[in-house]
Protein backbone atom coordinates (compact mmCIF):
# COMPACT_ATOMS: atom_id res chain seq x y z
CA UNK A 1 -3.77 -19.69 -0.67
CA UNK A 2 -4.36 -20.52 3.06
CA UNK A 3 -7.24 -20.54 4.69
CA UNK A 4 -6.15 -17.78 6.99
CA UNK A 5 -5.82 -15.49 3.75
CA UNK A 6 -8.74 -16.71 2.37
CA UNK A 7 -10.63 -15.62 4.78
CA UNK A 8 -9.27 -12.07 5.24
CA UNK A 9 -9.52 -11.84 1.93
CA UNK A 10 -12.97 -11.85 1.85
CA UNK A 11 -13.42 -9.93 5.06
CA UNK A 12 -11.48 -7.09 3.60
CA UNK A 13 -13.37 -7.55 0.21
CA UNK A 14 -16.98 -7.53 2.29
CA UNK A 15 -15.81 -3.91 4.22
CA UNK A 16 -14.46 -2.32 1.54
CA UNK A 17 -17.81 -3.34 -0.25
CA UNK A 18 -19.46 -1.38 2.60
CA UNK A 19 -17.86 1.19 3.12
CA UNK A 20 -17.21 2.05 -1.09
CA UNK A 21 -21.56 1.08 -1.84
CA UNK A 22 -22.90 1.89 2.03
CA UNK A 23 -20.73 4.95 1.39
CA UNK A 24 -22.10 6.13 -1.62
CA UNK A 25 -25.74 5.71 -0.61
CA UNK A 26 -25.06 7.91 3.03
CA UNK A 27 -23.77 10.98 0.13
CA UNK A 28 -26.38 10.39 -1.84
CA UNK A 29 -29.20 11.09 0.77
CA UNK A 30 -27.28 13.91 2.05
CA UNK A 31 -26.58 16.07 -1.09
CA UNK A 32 -30.00 17.37 -0.60
CA UNK A 33 -29.47 19.06 2.31
CA UNK A 34 -25.79 19.94 2.35
CA UNK A 35 -25.06 23.48 1.90
CA UNK A 36 -22.17 22.83 -0.48
CA UNK A 37 -22.80 19.63 -2.51
CA UNK A 38 -19.34 19.35 -4.14
CA UNK A 39 -17.21 19.22 -1.48
CA UNK A 40 -19.46 16.42 -0.07
CA UNK A 41 -18.74 14.58 -3.21
CA UNK A 42 -15.41 15.53 -3.50
CA UNK A 43 -14.95 14.58 0.31
CA UNK A 44 -16.77 11.28 0.35
CA UNK A 45 -15.24 9.97 -2.67
CA UNK A 46 -11.53 10.33 -1.35
CA UNK A 47 -12.38 9.10 1.85
CA UNK A 48 -14.02 6.11 0.01
CA UNK A 49 -10.85 5.62 -2.40
CA UNK A 50 -8.32 5.49 0.17
CA UNK A 51 -9.91 2.81 2.18
CA UNK A 52 -11.26 0.60 -0.21
CA UNK A 53 -7.87 1.25 -1.81
CA UNK A 54 -6.08 0.50 1.08
CA UNK A 55 -8.45 -2.82 2.07
CA UNK A 56 -7.49 -4.17 -1.68
CA UNK A 57 -3.56 -3.42 -1.38
CA UNK A 58 -3.70 -5.38 1.74
CA UNK A 59 -5.45 -8.17 0.39
CA UNK A 60 -3.08 -8.07 -2.93
CA UNK A 61 0.05 -8.07 -0.16
CA UNK A 62 -1.22 -11.45 0.65
CA UNK A 63 -1.51 -13.17 -2.71
CA UNK A 64 -3.44 -13.15 -5.32
CA UNK A 65 -5.75 -14.94 -4.46
CA UNK A 66 -6.80 -13.38 -1.22
CA UNK A 67 -7.17 -10.35 -3.86
CA UNK A 68 -9.17 -12.27 -5.71
CA UNK A 69 -11.62 -12.97 -3.01
CA UNK A 70 -11.63 -9.36 -1.94
CA UNK A 71 -12.85 -8.63 -5.37
CA UNK A 72 -15.38 -11.60 -5.34
CA UNK A 73 -16.85 -10.09 -1.84
CA UNK A 74 -16.76 -6.84 -3.14
CA UNK A 75 -18.93 -7.36 -5.72
CA UNK A 76 -21.37 -9.40 -3.82
CA UNK A 77 -21.74 -6.23 -1.06
CA UNK A 78 -22.48 -4.60 -4.37
CA UNK A 79 -25.05 -7.18 -5.72
CA UNK A 80 -26.78 -7.57 -2.66
CA UNK A 81 -27.35 -3.34 -1.76
CA UNK A 82 -28.18 -2.92 -5.71
CA UNK A 83 -30.82 -5.99 -4.51
CA UNK A 84 -31.89 -4.05 -1.53
CA UNK A 85 -32.31 -0.42 -3.46
CA UNK A 86 -34.43 -2.37 -6.04
CA UNK A 87 -37.02 -3.47 -3.55
CA UNK A 88 -37.08 0.13 -1.57
CA UNK A 89 -38.28 1.59 -5.14
CA UNK A 90 -41.84 1.64 -5.40
CA UNK A 91 -43.11 0.07 -8.54
CA UNK A 92 -45.17 3.55 -9.18
CA UNK A 93 -42.08 5.35 -9.39
CA UNK A 94 -40.92 3.33 -12.29
CA UNK A 95 -42.15 4.85 -15.58
CA UNK A 96 -42.91 1.70 -17.59
CA UNK A 97 -44.70 -0.17 -14.20
CA UNK A 98 -42.53 -2.82 -13.88
CA UNK A 99 -40.09 -3.68 -10.49
CA UNK A 100 -36.79 -4.18 -13.48
CA UNK A 101 -33.93 -2.38 -13.64
CA UNK A 102 -32.55 -4.66 -16.53
């Protein structure tokens, strides 16, 4: 794996994570106002899967190293977005009174 393919894998993974989890957040936020929630969920799922799948396949074509880097970057985006979501939930909304999801 060269530096260029490693960076390409990282960029693909970051973009995949933002599309996958950011798109999921947008979908969930739009569900209450949706007239056709099933259609919204299915279209969102197919679109996000196509983009993420394409990015991961492109990383895999560069070799196993860039694919691993892409997957690690995708999980890093997931971790950041989960922490942001946990901070956005007020402690009063937690029935246990704590702030932890674990």
